[in-house]
Structure formats: C-alpha cells, structure tokens
N, C-alpha and C. Protein backbone atom coordinates (compact mmCIF):
# COMPACT_ATOMS: atom_id res chain seq x y z
N MET A 1 220.09 112.87 88.73
CA MET A 1 218.64 112.72 88.30
C MET A 1 218.09 113.13 89.52
N ALA A 2 217.13 113.59 89.77
CA ALA A 2 216.21 114.34 90.28
C ALA A 2 215.61 113.03 91.53
N GLU A 3 215.73 113.40 92.76
CA GLU A 3 215.17 112.43 93.85
C GLU A 3 214.00 112.85 94.86
N THR A 4 213.17 112.24 94.48
CA THR A 4 211.74 112.51 95.57
C THR A 4 211.86 112.49 97.20
N ILE A 5 211.84 112.91 97.79
CA ILE A 5 211.79 112.84 99.02
C ILE A 5 210.44 113.07 99.90
N ARG A 6 209.85 112.34 100.46
CA ARG A 6 208.91 112.63 101.37
C ARG A 6 208.82 113.12 102.56
N ILE A 7 208.14 114.29 102.74
CA ILE A 7 208.64 114.97 104.00
C ILE A 7 207.59 114.74 104.99
N SER A 8 206.35 114.14 104.84
CA SER A 8 205.43 113.83 105.74
C SER A 8 204.05 113.64 105.01
N ASP A 9 203.34 113.31 105.92
CA ASP A 9 201.99 112.61 105.13
C ASP A 9 201.44 113.90 103.87
N HIS A 10 201.50 113.53 102.43
CA HIS A 10 200.89 114.96 101.78
C HIS A 10 201.76 116.11 101.32
N THR A 11 202.86 115.73 101.81
CA THR A 11 204.24 116.99 101.47
C THR A 11 205.62 116.20 100.87
N TRP A 12 206.16 116.72 99.76
CA TRP A 12 207.00 116.03 99.75
C TRP A 12 208.58 117.12 98.76
N ARG A 13 209.93 116.74 98.78
CA ARG A 13 210.66 117.15 98.33
C ARG A 13 211.37 116.66 96.81
N ILE A 14 211.41 117.90 96.14
CA ILE A 14 211.96 117.09 95.14
C ILE A 14 213.41 117.77 94.67
N GLU A 15 214.93 116.90 94.67
CA GLU A 15 216.26 117.52 95.43
C GLU A 15 216.39 117.30 93.38
N ASP A 16 216.97 118.60 93.20
CA ASP A 16 217.35 118.63 91.27
C ASP A 16 218.72 119.23 91.58
N GLY A 17 219.64 118.59 92.02
CA GLY A 17 220.93 119.03 92.42
C GLY A 17 221.26 120.20 93.28
N GLY A 18 221.60 121.58 92.93
CA GLY A 18 221.79 122.49 93.92
C GLY A 18 220.25 123.11 94.18
N VAL A 19 219.05 122.47 93.60
CA VAL A 19 217.94 123.52 93.78
C VAL A 19 216.88 122.92 94.27
N ARG A 20 216.02 122.81 95.29
CA ARG A 20 214.72 121.89 95.44
C ARG A 20 213.45 122.43 95.33
N PHE A 21 212.07 121.41 94.82
CA PHE A 21 211.26 122.33 94.89
C PHE A 21 209.75 121.31 95.54
N PHE A 22 208.77 121.74 95.66
CA PHE A 22 207.75 120.51 96.80
C PHE A 22 206.99 120.26 95.74
N VAL A 23 205.94 119.43 96.47
CA VAL A 23 204.98 118.98 96.08
C VAL A 23 204.19 119.29 97.28
N LEU A 24 202.87 119.76 97.32
CA LEU A 24 202.16 119.74 98.28
C LEU A 24 200.61 119.27 98.02
N GLU A 25 200.00 118.40 98.71
CA GLU A 25 198.61 117.85 98.61
C GLU A 25 197.52 118.15 99.47
N GLY A 26 196.37 118.41 98.96
CA GLY A 26 194.91 118.70 99.71
C GLY A 26 194.06 117.48 99.45
N THR A 27 192.62 117.55 99.89
CA THR A 27 192.28 116.08 99.87
C THR A 27 191.44 116.17 98.64
N GLU A 28 191.57 118.05 98.22
CA GLU A 28 191.26 118.30 96.43
C GLU A 28 191.99 118.32 95.33
N ARG A 29 193.36 119.17 95.53
CA ARG A 29 194.05 119.14 94.48
C ARG A 29 195.50 119.43 95.09
N ALA A 30 196.43 119.46 93.66
CA ALA A 30 197.90 119.33 94.61
C ALA A 30 198.81 120.33 94.00
N ILE A 31 199.65 121.28 94.80
CA ILE A 31 200.27 122.40 93.75
C ILE A 31 202.11 121.82 93.66
N LEU A 32 202.38 122.30 92.84
CA LEU A 32 204.14 121.84 92.68
C LEU A 32 204.61 123.79 92.66
N VAL A 33 205.15 123.69 93.70
CA VAL A 33 205.56 124.61 94.20
C VAL A 33 207.26 124.63 93.61
N ASP A 34 207.33 125.23 92.08
CA ASP A 34 208.52 125.33 91.16
C ASP A 34 208.68 124.37 90.94
N SER A 35 209.75 124.37 89.51
CA SER A 35 209.62 123.09 89.00
C SER A 35 211.56 122.82 88.54
N GLY A 36 212.10 123.50 89.46
CA GLY A 36 213.67 123.25 88.86
C GLY A 36 214.39 123.35 88.09
N MET A 37 215.55 123.23 87.84
CA MET A 37 216.76 123.70 87.07
C MET A 37 216.69 122.92 85.61
N ASN A 38 216.90 121.86 86.16
CA ASN A 38 217.64 120.56 85.15
C ASN A 38 215.73 119.63 85.00
N THR A 39 214.82 120.01 84.68
CA THR A 39 213.52 118.70 85.09
C THR A 39 212.79 119.22 84.63
N PRO A 40 212.34 118.85 83.26
CA PRO A 40 211.42 119.98 82.27
C PRO A 40 209.97 118.46 82.78
N ASP A 41 210.41 117.21 83.03
CA ASP A 41 209.47 116.76 83.78
C ASP A 41 209.29 116.56 85.11
N ALA A 42 209.29 118.08 85.81
CA ALA A 42 209.20 118.12 86.92
C ALA A 42 207.60 117.67 87.52
N GLY A 43 206.84 118.07 86.27
CA GLY A 43 205.14 117.58 86.58
C GLY A 43 204.71 115.93 86.39
N GLU A 44 205.42 115.73 85.87
CA GLU A 44 205.34 113.83 85.76
C GLU A 44 206.15 113.46 87.04
N LEU A 45 206.99 113.96 87.67
CA LEU A 45 207.60 113.19 88.96
C LEU A 45 206.74 114.04 90.12
N ALA A 46 206.10 115.05 89.96
CA ALA A 46 204.92 115.27 90.92
C ALA A 46 203.63 114.62 91.12
N LYS A 47 203.53 114.01 89.74
CA LYS A 47 202.11 112.53 89.64
C LYS A 47 202.25 111.56 89.89
N LYS A 48 203.93 111.04 90.15
CA LYS A 48 204.02 109.96 90.65
C LYS A 48 203.46 109.75 92.38
N VAL A 49 203.57 110.77 92.91
CA VAL A 49 203.07 111.01 94.45
C VAL A 49 201.87 111.03 94.88
N THR A 50 201.09 112.31 93.78
CA THR A 50 199.54 112.46 94.28
C THR A 50 199.04 112.22 92.48
N ASP A 51 197.97 111.73 92.74
CA ASP A 51 196.87 112.04 91.96
C ASP A 51 195.73 112.80 91.62
N ARG A 52 195.66 113.53 93.03
CA ARG A 52 195.06 114.90 93.05
C ARG A 52 195.52 116.00 91.74
N PRO A 53 194.04 116.68 91.00
CA PRO A 53 194.53 117.61 90.01
C PRO A 53 195.93 118.16 90.69
N LEU A 54 196.85 118.69 89.62
CA LEU A 54 197.75 119.07 89.72
C LEU A 54 198.12 120.54 89.31
N GLU A 55 198.44 121.68 90.08
CA GLU A 55 198.55 123.40 89.59
C GLU A 55 199.80 123.33 89.57
N MET A 56 200.35 124.49 89.26
CA MET A 56 201.67 124.87 89.14
C MET A 56 201.97 126.27 89.56
N LEU A 57 202.56 126.52 90.83
CA LEU A 57 202.85 127.87 91.17
C LEU A 57 204.63 127.90 91.30
N ASN A 58 204.77 129.06 91.43
CA ASN A 58 205.96 129.47 91.31
C ASN A 58 206.59 130.36 92.36
N THR A 59 208.01 130.61 93.38
CA THR A 59 207.69 131.28 94.68
C THR A 59 208.57 132.82 93.74
N HIS A 60 209.19 132.24 92.70
CA HIS A 60 209.72 133.47 91.47
C HIS A 60 210.35 132.57 90.40
N ALA A 61 210.68 133.32 89.60
CA ALA A 61 211.15 132.87 88.50
C ALA A 61 212.15 133.27 88.12
N ASP A 62 213.17 132.88 88.86
CA ASP A 62 214.88 132.54 88.35
C ASP A 62 214.72 131.21 87.47
N ARG A 63 215.91 130.94 86.66
CA ARG A 63 215.73 130.22 85.69
C ARG A 63 215.53 128.47 86.26
N ASP A 64 216.69 128.50 87.63
CA ASP A 64 216.61 127.23 88.63
C ASP A 64 215.37 126.63 88.85
N HIS A 65 214.12 127.67 88.30
CA HIS A 65 213.10 127.47 89.22
C HIS A 65 211.78 127.08 88.27
N ILE A 66 212.28 127.16 87.19
CA ILE A 66 210.90 127.09 86.21
C ILE A 66 210.97 126.50 85.32
N SER A 67 212.36 125.31 85.30
CA SER A 67 212.61 124.26 84.01
C SER A 67 211.19 123.29 83.41
N GLY A 68 210.32 123.01 84.08
CA GLY A 68 209.19 122.33 84.50
C GLY A 68 208.09 123.42 83.37
N ASN A 69 208.05 124.24 83.78
CA ASN A 69 206.83 125.02 83.89
C ASN A 69 205.98 124.70 82.34
N GLY A 70 206.85 124.47 81.57
CA GLY A 70 206.37 124.17 80.33
C GLY A 70 205.49 123.43 79.74
N ALA A 71 205.08 122.74 81.10
CA ALA A 71 204.21 121.63 80.67
C ALA A 71 202.51 122.28 81.40
N PHE A 72 202.43 123.28 81.72
CA PHE A 72 201.30 123.58 82.12
C PHE A 72 200.97 124.88 81.65
N ASP A 73 199.56 125.20 81.10
CA ASP A 73 199.32 126.14 80.68
C ASP A 73 198.86 127.67 81.47
N CYS A 74 199.47 127.46 82.82
CA CYS A 74 199.07 128.42 83.69
C CYS A 74 200.25 128.50 84.71
N THR A 75 200.63 129.13 85.13
CA THR A 75 201.13 128.91 86.89
C THR A 75 200.89 129.94 87.71
N PHE A 76 200.47 129.81 88.99
CA PHE A 76 200.48 131.09 89.88
C PHE A 76 201.49 131.77 90.75
N MET A 77 201.86 133.16 90.32
CA MET A 77 202.97 133.58 90.75
C MET A 77 202.47 135.19 90.64
N SER A 78 203.16 135.95 91.40
CA SER A 78 203.13 137.57 91.83
C SER A 78 203.35 138.19 90.57
N PRO A 79 202.17 138.77 89.71
CA PRO A 79 202.43 139.81 89.05
C PRO A 79 203.37 140.72 88.48
N ALA A 80 204.03 141.18 89.99
CA ALA A 80 205.71 141.77 89.62
C ALA A 80 206.53 140.95 89.52
N GLU A 81 206.40 139.33 89.06
CA GLU A 81 207.41 138.62 88.55
C GLU A 81 207.56 138.02 87.27
N GLU A 82 206.50 138.81 86.25
CA GLU A 82 206.14 138.81 85.02
C GLU A 82 207.47 138.87 84.14
N GLU A 83 208.13 140.45 84.40
CA GLU A 83 209.14 140.34 83.57
C GLU A 83 210.20 139.24 83.69
N ASN A 84 210.64 138.98 84.73
CA ASN A 84 211.57 138.23 85.14
C ASN A 84 211.28 136.87 84.55
N TYR A 85 210.11 136.51 84.67
CA TYR A 85 209.82 135.40 84.30
C TYR A 85 209.92 135.08 82.64
N ARG A 86 209.03 136.57 82.24
CA ARG A 86 209.76 136.56 80.50
C ARG A 86 211.09 136.53 80.34
N ALA A 87 211.63 136.78 80.75
CA ALA A 87 213.23 136.92 80.51
C ALA A 87 214.08 135.79 80.82
N ALA A 88 213.29 135.00 81.49
CA ALA A 88 214.09 133.68 81.64
C ALA A 88 213.48 132.43 80.57
N GLY A 89 212.47 132.92 79.51
CA GLY A 89 211.77 132.25 78.49
C GLY A 89 211.00 131.53 79.38
N GLY A 90 210.27 131.94 80.69
CA GLY A 90 209.12 131.63 80.92
C GLY A 90 207.77 131.56 80.09
N THR A 91 207.19 130.68 79.99
CA THR A 91 205.72 130.69 78.87
C THR A 91 204.55 130.12 79.50
N GLY A 92 203.42 130.50 79.15
CA GLY A 92 201.89 130.56 79.17
C GLY A 92 201.56 131.33 80.39
N ARG A 93 200.32 131.15 80.77
CA ARG A 93 199.89 132.79 81.05
C ARG A 93 199.90 132.24 82.81
N ILE A 94 200.12 133.51 83.26
CA ILE A 94 200.13 133.63 84.58
C ILE A 94 199.02 134.33 85.44
N VAL A 95 198.58 133.25 86.39
CA VAL A 95 197.57 133.38 87.29
C VAL A 95 198.04 134.56 88.49
N PRO A 96 197.73 135.51 88.74
CA PRO A 96 198.14 136.56 89.47
C PRO A 96 198.03 136.22 91.18
N LEU A 97 199.32 136.45 92.14
CA LEU A 97 199.16 136.01 93.35
C LEU A 97 198.91 137.04 94.26
N HIS A 98 198.52 137.65 95.05
CA HIS A 98 198.71 138.83 95.75
C HIS A 98 199.32 138.54 97.44
N ASP A 99 199.53 139.52 98.07
CA ASP A 99 199.78 139.48 99.60
C ASP A 99 198.44 138.94 100.21
N GLY A 100 198.05 138.14 101.07
CA GLY A 100 197.26 137.31 101.83
C GLY A 100 196.52 136.38 100.85
N ASP A 101 196.84 136.27 99.98
CA ASP A 101 195.55 135.26 98.84
C ASP A 101 195.72 133.76 100.07
N VAL A 102 195.20 132.87 100.11
CA VAL A 102 194.85 131.54 100.66
C VAL A 102 194.33 130.64 99.30
N ILE A 103 194.78 129.48 99.22
CA ILE A 103 195.08 128.99 98.40
C ILE A 103 194.49 127.51 98.92
N ASP A 104 193.20 127.14 98.93
CA ASP A 104 192.47 125.90 99.57
C ASP A 104 193.15 124.85 98.64
N LEU A 105 193.79 123.67 99.24
CA LEU A 105 193.84 122.35 98.85
C LEU A 105 193.15 121.35 98.96
N GLY A 106 192.25 121.81 99.83
CA GLY A 106 190.92 121.02 100.44
C GLY A 106 191.64 120.23 101.84
N GLY A 107 191.19 120.85 102.77
CA GLY A 107 192.01 120.78 103.86
C GLY A 107 192.91 121.17 104.20
N ARG A 108 193.41 122.14 103.55
CA ARG A 108 195.11 122.77 103.84
C ARG A 108 195.23 124.15 102.84
N GLU A 109 194.99 124.81 103.79
CA GLU A 109 195.07 126.64 103.49
C GLU A 109 196.62 127.00 103.24
N ILE A 110 197.33 127.46 102.03
CA ILE A 110 198.39 127.88 101.63
C ILE A 110 198.26 129.15 101.89
N GLU A 111 198.91 130.36 102.47
CA GLU A 111 198.64 131.63 102.40
C GLU A 111 200.10 132.22 101.99
N ILE A 112 199.58 133.11 100.77
CA ILE A 112 200.74 134.05 100.29
C ILE A 112 201.09 135.28 100.86
N ILE A 113 202.68 135.07 101.59
CA ILE A 113 203.03 136.62 101.59
C ILE A 113 204.27 136.61 101.01
N GLU A 114 204.01 138.23 100.14
CA GLU A 114 204.85 138.89 99.48
C GLU A 114 206.24 139.20 100.07
N ILE A 115 207.39 138.75 99.64
CA ILE A 115 208.52 139.18 99.87
C ILE A 115 209.63 139.43 99.14
N PRO A 116 209.74 141.04 98.24
CA PRO A 116 210.16 140.81 97.20
C PRO A 116 211.65 141.30 98.21
N GLY A 117 212.37 141.83 96.75
CA GLY A 117 214.01 141.88 97.15
C GLY A 117 214.67 140.93 96.26
N HIS A 118 214.85 139.96 96.67
CA HIS A 118 215.85 138.75 95.93
C HIS A 118 215.15 138.81 94.43
N THR A 119 213.90 139.39 94.33
CA THR A 119 213.62 139.08 92.99
C THR A 119 211.98 140.36 93.21
N PRO A 120 211.77 140.81 92.08
CA PRO A 120 210.56 141.81 92.64
C PRO A 120 209.13 140.99 93.12
N GLY A 121 208.95 139.82 92.74
CA GLY A 121 207.78 138.86 92.61
C GLY A 121 207.75 137.60 93.44
N SER A 122 208.97 137.65 94.22
CA SER A 122 209.11 136.75 95.40
C SER A 122 207.74 136.63 96.55
N VAL A 123 207.70 135.64 96.53
CA VAL A 123 206.18 134.70 97.42
C VAL A 123 206.99 133.75 98.41
N ALA A 124 206.47 133.88 99.67
CA ALA A 124 206.75 132.52 100.59
C ALA A 124 205.43 132.10 100.77
N LEU A 125 204.99 130.92 101.19
CA LEU A 125 203.96 130.13 100.89
C LEU A 125 203.93 129.73 102.36
N LEU A 126 203.08 130.09 103.33
CA LEU A 126 203.03 129.46 104.64
C LEU A 126 201.61 128.59 104.78
N ASP A 127 201.65 127.39 105.21
CA ASP A 127 200.94 126.17 105.39
C ASP A 127 200.78 126.45 106.85
N ARG A 128 199.60 126.72 106.71
CA ARG A 128 198.96 127.40 107.76
C ARG A 128 198.83 125.95 109.13
N LYS A 129 198.34 124.74 108.59
CA LYS A 129 198.24 123.57 109.63
C LYS A 129 199.18 122.76 109.81
N ASN A 130 200.27 122.91 108.83
CA ASN A 130 201.36 122.14 109.15
C ASN A 130 203.00 123.09 109.82
N ARG A 131 202.11 124.30 109.54
CA ARG A 131 203.40 124.99 110.60
C ARG A 131 204.64 125.20 110.18
N PHE A 132 204.68 125.49 108.38
CA PHE A 132 206.16 125.27 108.01
C PHE A 132 206.09 126.60 106.66
N LEU A 133 207.19 127.32 106.27
CA LEU A 133 207.17 128.28 105.61
C LEU A 133 207.90 127.79 104.68
N ILE A 134 207.55 127.80 103.10
CA ILE A 134 208.43 127.21 101.83
C ILE A 134 209.18 128.89 101.52
N SER A 135 210.21 129.09 101.59
CA SER A 135 210.58 130.69 101.45
C SER A 135 211.25 130.80 99.98
N GLY A 136 211.42 129.73 99.31
CA GLY A 136 211.98 130.20 98.06
C GLY A 136 213.16 130.31 98.35
N ASP A 137 214.12 131.64 97.36
CA ASP A 137 215.69 131.84 98.04
C ASP A 137 216.13 132.73 98.87
N SER A 138 214.85 133.42 99.28
CA SER A 138 214.94 134.44 100.19
C SER A 138 215.75 134.02 101.78
N VAL A 139 215.27 132.97 102.34
CA VAL A 139 215.50 132.44 103.04
C VAL A 139 216.17 131.47 103.29
N GLN A 140 217.56 130.95 103.30
CA GLN A 140 218.27 129.92 103.38
C GLN A 140 219.85 129.86 103.80
N ASP A 141 220.40 129.06 104.08
CA ASP A 141 221.76 129.12 104.64
C ASP A 141 222.92 129.11 103.32
N GLY A 142 222.57 129.15 102.12
CA GLY A 142 223.83 129.11 100.95
C GLY A 142 223.88 130.40 101.15
N ASN A 143 224.14 130.77 99.64
CA ASN A 143 224.93 132.29 98.93
C ASN A 143 223.55 132.81 98.21
N ILE A 144 223.27 133.63 98.89
CA ILE A 144 221.57 134.59 98.64
C ILE A 144 222.10 135.47 97.38
N PHE A 145 221.48 135.46 96.08
CA PHE A 145 221.64 136.09 94.73
C PHE A 145 220.98 137.61 94.90
N MET A 146 222.06 138.41 95.20
CA MET A 146 221.24 140.10 95.06
C MET A 146 222.01 140.78 94.21
N PHE A 147 222.49 140.47 92.97
CA PHE A 147 222.90 141.26 91.90
C PHE A 147 222.35 140.82 90.52
N GLY A 148 222.24 141.94 90.17
CA GLY A 148 221.57 142.19 88.67
C GLY A 148 220.39 143.01 89.00
N ARG A 149 219.83 143.01 87.40
CA ARG A 149 218.68 144.07 87.46
C ARG A 149 217.29 143.97 88.53
N PHE A 150 216.92 142.58 88.76
CA PHE A 150 215.84 142.49 89.14
C PHE A 150 216.00 142.57 90.78
N ARG A 151 217.21 142.81 91.50
CA ARG A 151 217.40 142.72 92.70
C ARG A 151 217.59 143.81 93.90
N ASP A 152 216.83 143.34 94.93
CA ASP A 152 216.92 144.91 95.53
C ASP A 152 217.02 145.09 97.26
N LEU A 153 218.04 144.80 97.53
CA LEU A 153 218.68 144.71 98.95
C LEU A 153 217.53 145.36 99.99
N THR A 154 217.39 146.41 99.92
CA THR A 154 216.40 147.70 100.61
C THR A 154 215.14 146.83 101.02
N SER A 155 214.75 146.31 99.77
CA SER A 155 213.67 145.90 99.61
C SER A 155 213.38 144.30 100.69
N TYR A 156 214.65 143.79 100.13
CA TYR A 156 214.65 142.32 101.30
C TYR A 156 214.82 142.33 102.45
N ILE A 157 215.23 143.36 103.18
CA ILE A 157 215.26 144.01 104.51
C ILE A 157 214.16 143.93 105.11
N ARG A 158 213.38 145.22 104.10
CA ARG A 158 211.83 145.45 104.47
C ARG A 158 210.69 143.80 104.83
N SER A 159 211.26 142.99 103.52
CA SER A 159 210.74 141.54 103.41
C SER A 159 210.83 140.77 104.65
N MET A 160 212.51 140.76 105.39
CA MET A 160 212.78 139.91 106.24
C MET A 160 212.20 140.35 107.64
N GLU A 161 212.28 141.62 107.80
CA GLU A 161 211.35 142.34 108.66
C GLU A 161 209.78 142.05 108.84
N LYS A 162 209.10 141.99 107.68
CA LYS A 162 207.87 141.10 107.41
C LYS A 162 207.84 140.01 107.94
N LEU A 163 208.11 139.18 107.26
CA LEU A 163 208.48 137.75 108.12
C LEU A 163 208.76 137.61 109.23
N MET A 164 209.33 138.29 110.00
CA MET A 164 209.55 138.12 111.30
C MET A 164 208.28 138.01 112.16
N GLY A 165 207.26 138.76 111.79
CA GLY A 165 206.00 139.22 111.71
C GLY A 165 205.17 138.01 112.05
N TYR A 166 205.59 137.05 111.26
CA TYR A 166 204.89 135.55 110.96
C TYR A 166 205.37 134.85 112.00
N ALA A 167 206.80 135.10 112.76
CA ALA A 167 207.20 134.02 113.42
C ALA A 167 206.66 132.82 114.03
N ASP A 168 205.46 133.44 114.85
CA ASP A 168 204.58 132.49 115.62
C ASP A 168 204.02 131.67 114.96
N ARG A 169 204.12 131.59 113.61
CA ARG A 169 202.92 131.14 112.66
C ARG A 169 203.41 129.82 112.36
N PHE A 170 204.91 129.84 112.69
CA PHE A 170 205.75 128.62 111.87
C PHE A 170 206.56 127.82 112.44
N ASP A 171 207.50 126.71 112.72
CA ASP A 171 208.26 126.14 113.26
C ASP A 171 209.22 125.96 112.85
N GLU A 172 209.22 125.62 110.79
CA GLU A 172 210.23 125.21 110.51
C GLU A 172 210.08 125.93 108.91
N ILE A 173 211.39 126.04 108.30
CA ILE A 173 211.36 126.86 107.02
C ILE A 173 211.77 126.24 106.20
N TYR A 174 211.15 125.74 104.81
CA TYR A 174 211.96 124.93 103.76
C TYR A 174 212.34 125.51 102.86
N PRO A 175 213.28 126.22 102.63
CA PRO A 175 214.17 126.78 101.40
C PRO A 175 214.40 125.96 100.16
N SER A 176 214.83 127.01 98.93
CA SER A 176 215.15 126.24 97.87
C SER A 176 216.45 125.57 97.44
N HIS A 177 217.48 125.91 98.66
CA HIS A 177 218.43 125.75 98.34
C HIS A 177 219.63 125.51 100.14
N GLY A 178 220.38 124.75 99.94
CA GLY A 178 221.09 125.26 101.33
C GLY A 178 220.54 124.10 102.29
N THR A 179 220.79 123.65 103.33
CA THR A 179 220.60 122.99 104.47
C THR A 179 218.94 122.97 104.46
N PHE A 180 218.43 121.62 104.34
CA PHE A 180 216.93 121.24 104.74
C PHE A 180 216.68 120.99 106.25
N PRO A 181 215.52 121.12 106.82
CA PRO A 181 214.99 122.68 106.50
C PRO A 181 215.89 123.56 107.11
N VAL A 182 215.71 124.76 108.17
CA VAL A 182 215.88 125.49 108.66
C VAL A 182 215.29 126.52 109.84
N SER A 183 216.18 126.79 110.83
CA SER A 183 215.05 127.54 111.55
C SER A 183 214.82 129.24 111.53
N PRO A 184 213.38 129.36 111.76
CA PRO A 184 212.98 130.51 111.82
C PRO A 184 213.91 131.95 112.04
N ASP A 185 214.69 131.29 113.25
CA ASP A 185 215.47 132.54 113.58
C ASP A 185 216.55 132.87 112.50
N LEU A 186 216.76 132.13 111.73
CA LEU A 186 217.71 132.23 110.25
C LEU A 186 216.64 133.98 110.06
N ILE A 187 215.92 133.89 110.07
CA ILE A 187 215.57 135.44 109.38
C ILE A 187 215.78 136.68 109.81
N GLU A 188 215.71 136.88 111.10
CA GLU A 188 216.21 137.78 111.54
C GLU A 188 217.83 138.37 111.51
N LYS A 189 218.61 136.97 111.15
CA LYS A 189 220.27 137.12 111.44
C LYS A 189 220.43 137.90 109.84
N LEU A 190 219.21 137.08 108.65
CA LEU A 190 219.48 137.49 107.47
C LEU A 190 219.50 139.16 107.34
N LYS A 191 218.14 139.56 107.81
CA LYS A 191 217.80 140.90 108.05
C LYS A 191 218.85 141.51 108.33
N ASP A 192 219.70 141.07 109.53
CA ASP A 192 220.57 142.10 110.11
C ASP A 192 221.97 142.10 109.64
N ALA A 193 222.19 140.98 108.74
CA ALA A 193 223.06 140.91 107.84
C ALA A 193 223.29 142.17 106.92
N ALA A 194 222.08 142.10 105.96
CA ALA A 194 221.62 142.44 104.72
C ALA A 194 221.95 144.13 105.20
N LYS A 195 221.40 144.35 106.40
CA LYS A 195 221.64 145.92 106.57
C LYS A 195 223.22 146.28 107.41
N LYS A 196 223.78 145.24 107.26
CA LYS A 196 225.11 145.58 107.61
C LYS A 196 225.84 146.28 105.88
N ILE A 197 225.42 145.08 105.24
CA ILE A 197 225.62 145.47 103.63
C ILE A 197 225.71 146.77 103.21
N VAL A 198 224.43 146.87 103.28
CA VAL A 198 223.77 148.20 103.15
C VAL A 198 224.35 149.60 103.68
N SER A 199 224.57 149.06 105.22
CA SER A 199 225.43 150.43 105.78
C SER A 199 226.64 150.67 105.47
N GLY A 200 227.46 149.38 104.84
CA GLY A 200 229.03 149.33 104.38
C GLY A 200 229.65 148.98 105.48
N GLU A 201 229.07 148.67 107.02
CA GLU A 201 229.79 147.69 107.96
C GLU A 201 230.38 146.47 107.92
N ALA A 202 230.06 145.85 106.73
CA ALA A 202 229.97 144.67 106.40
C ALA A 202 231.00 144.60 105.14
N GLU A 203 231.97 143.88 105.11
CA GLU A 203 233.23 143.74 104.06
C GLU A 203 233.10 142.44 102.99
N GLY A 204 232.82 142.37 102.29
CA GLY A 204 232.62 141.58 100.55
C GLY A 204 234.25 141.37 100.65
N GLU A 205 234.34 140.27 100.26
CA GLU A 205 235.49 139.76 99.33
C GLU A 205 235.42 139.02 98.13
N GLU A 206 236.76 139.71 97.05
CA GLU A 206 235.95 139.13 96.15
C GLU A 206 235.74 137.86 95.38
N SER A 207 235.17 138.34 94.19
CA SER A 207 234.58 136.92 93.88
C SER A 207 234.49 136.95 92.52
N LYS A 208 234.99 135.29 91.65
CA LYS A 208 234.49 135.78 90.28
C LYS A 208 233.30 136.45 89.04
N ASP A 209 233.38 136.55 88.50
CA ASP A 209 231.84 137.16 87.99
C ASP A 209 231.00 136.08 87.73
N MET A 210 230.05 136.39 88.18
CA MET A 210 228.69 135.83 87.82
C MET A 210 227.66 135.69 86.93
N LEU A 211 227.61 135.35 86.26
CA LEU A 211 226.53 135.45 84.90
C LEU A 211 227.00 136.61 84.81
N GLY A 212 228.34 137.09 83.98
CA GLY A 212 228.69 138.20 83.46
C GLY A 212 228.90 139.38 84.23
N THR A 213 228.68 139.72 85.59
CA THR A 213 228.89 140.32 86.38
C THR A 213 229.44 140.34 87.69
N PRO A 214 230.41 141.17 87.67
CA PRO A 214 231.76 141.19 88.90
C PRO A 214 230.42 141.42 90.11
N VAL A 215 230.99 140.40 91.13
CA VAL A 215 230.13 140.41 92.29
C VAL A 215 231.24 139.97 93.36
N LEU A 216 230.55 140.57 94.40
CA LEU A 216 231.19 140.63 96.02
C LEU A 216 230.54 139.78 96.71
N LEU A 217 231.63 138.60 97.39
CA LEU A 217 230.80 137.68 98.61
C LEU A 217 230.93 138.31 100.15
N TYR A 218 229.57 138.53 100.46
CA TYR A 218 229.62 139.21 101.74
C TYR A 218 229.36 137.59 102.53
N ARG A 219 230.41 137.31 103.51
CA ARG A 219 230.35 135.94 103.80
C ARG A 219 229.84 136.19 105.28
N PHE A 220 228.59 135.65 106.08
CA PHE A 220 228.69 135.74 107.35
C PHE A 220 228.30 134.17 107.73
N PRO A 221 228.56 133.65 109.24
CA PRO A 221 228.48 132.57 109.72
C PRO A 221 227.47 131.49 109.28
N PHE A 222 226.50 131.98 108.82
CA PHE A 222 225.01 131.61 108.65
C PHE A 222 224.74 131.74 106.95
N ALA A 223 225.17 132.32 106.61
CA ALA A 223 224.63 132.52 105.03
C ALA A 223 226.17 133.46 104.37
N GLY A 224 225.23 133.49 103.15
CA GLY A 224 226.47 134.76 102.03
C GLY A 224 225.41 135.45 101.31
N PHE A 225 225.79 136.48 100.91
CA PHE A 225 225.36 137.45 100.16
C PHE A 225 225.97 137.88 98.74
N LEU A 226 225.59 137.63 97.62
CA LEU A 226 226.44 137.95 96.29
C LEU A 226 225.84 139.33 95.49
N CYS A 227 226.81 140.03 95.98
CA CYS A 227 226.19 141.41 95.61
C CYS A 227 227.11 142.32 94.67
N GLU A 228 226.60 143.17 93.62
CA GLU A 228 227.37 143.49 92.92
C GLU A 228 228.24 144.52 93.34
N VAL A 229 229.53 144.34 92.84
CA VAL A 229 230.87 145.54 93.38
C VAL A 229 230.56 146.83 93.02
N ARG A 230 230.38 147.59 94.06
CA ARG A 230 229.86 149.05 93.87
C ARG A 230 231.51 149.67 93.42
N SER A 231 231.10 150.73 92.43
CA SER A 231 231.71 151.43 91.66
C SER A 231 232.51 153.11 92.69
C-alpha cells in the first residue's frame, strides 16, 4: 500500500513499493509528479494532502511512473517521450514541456531541465525557491535501467554534464528510486561511471534477463547501471 510522507510544508513524497512520486503545492495549484507503478488512485492520494487544483506531470513515461495517469485528461511531459508513453499504455493528451519552461504554482516556480538518456524525454524539475531537484530515474543510487530501445548512454552522459552546471542551484536531489534524498555530488560520479562503461574501462557482471533482454550489471560503490550485453 502506498505511503504518503510529508517532506516539508507544501511538499510530499508517496512511496509505492520500489518507486516514489511527489506532490508539490503552490498558493494557486498543485502538481502530481509521476503516478507510480501500482497506484491508479495516485490522484486521489494527492488530493488528500492538497485542496489546490491538481495537474499531472511526468518526469518520464516508463510503466512504473504512469499507473495513475488515466485519472487525468492530460499530462505535462516532454514531447520526446510520447512514443515511450504510448508504448507503455499511456492515455490522454500530452501538454508539451521544453527545456527552460517554468511552471508557476503560485509563489513557487518549477523549472524544467531536459535530461535525455534514460529515456528520450526524461526531465528533471528544479524547485527554485526550495532548492531541490526531482531527478526521475536518471540520478539515484539504485540500478539505473539503460537497456532497451529508449535508452542512450551517450545522451545520458551529456545530461549529467548539463546538470552539473546547475549544481549551485540546489542542495538536495529527490530521486524516484533508491535512497531519499541523495547528494548533488552523485551526478558527477554517475557521469564518470557511464563514461567508463562506454569506453570499455568498466566490466559488467552477468545478470539475468530483464524484461526479456539479456543485461549486464555494471556495479559501482554509489550506484549501478543495467545495460544490454554487447555482441
């Protein structure tokens, strides 16, 4: 059963087994950031903590982030994520998000940062006032999925380099998986690790099939990457 936890005034996380999602509230409206893996009632859970008009926003469209999307007519999402969203069974209209867009919740501005790699349309959310970053799956200390048709490790490296340029604008990172929260210095570690995988410097260990794909686990002290077995 999903558990709702207050992070601070006007900010909550909802823990849905191995994935978490968030509710951010301003003076005028609120957003549900992702909707979990087993929570078709995610919207109702969010409405228990806020009485502001509620809108849906997705960091990306993997199946474990969209289970409650069906309760909304539309969702804010990068248009680069639509193919992934429809392939995962996502419904409703997509309201496009682009790099640098700002969503004003009323006294609370949320800036969109495009970080493709984990998926083509992955985005991070920067809460300017409260100085935290919601990173989706891209920055976490668990095992990051980097196998399958929507993943691109080279783009991921560029995205981590991009996020490093924002490092003076947030103090904590709120990931969708793993430890909560994590430190901003994890970004550079993940970037360097991904570079070692691409260069062949890192060695992966055999792992079982994941969703029908043979993968290798590249294990580092701070996180792991699940990547396709190279032919």
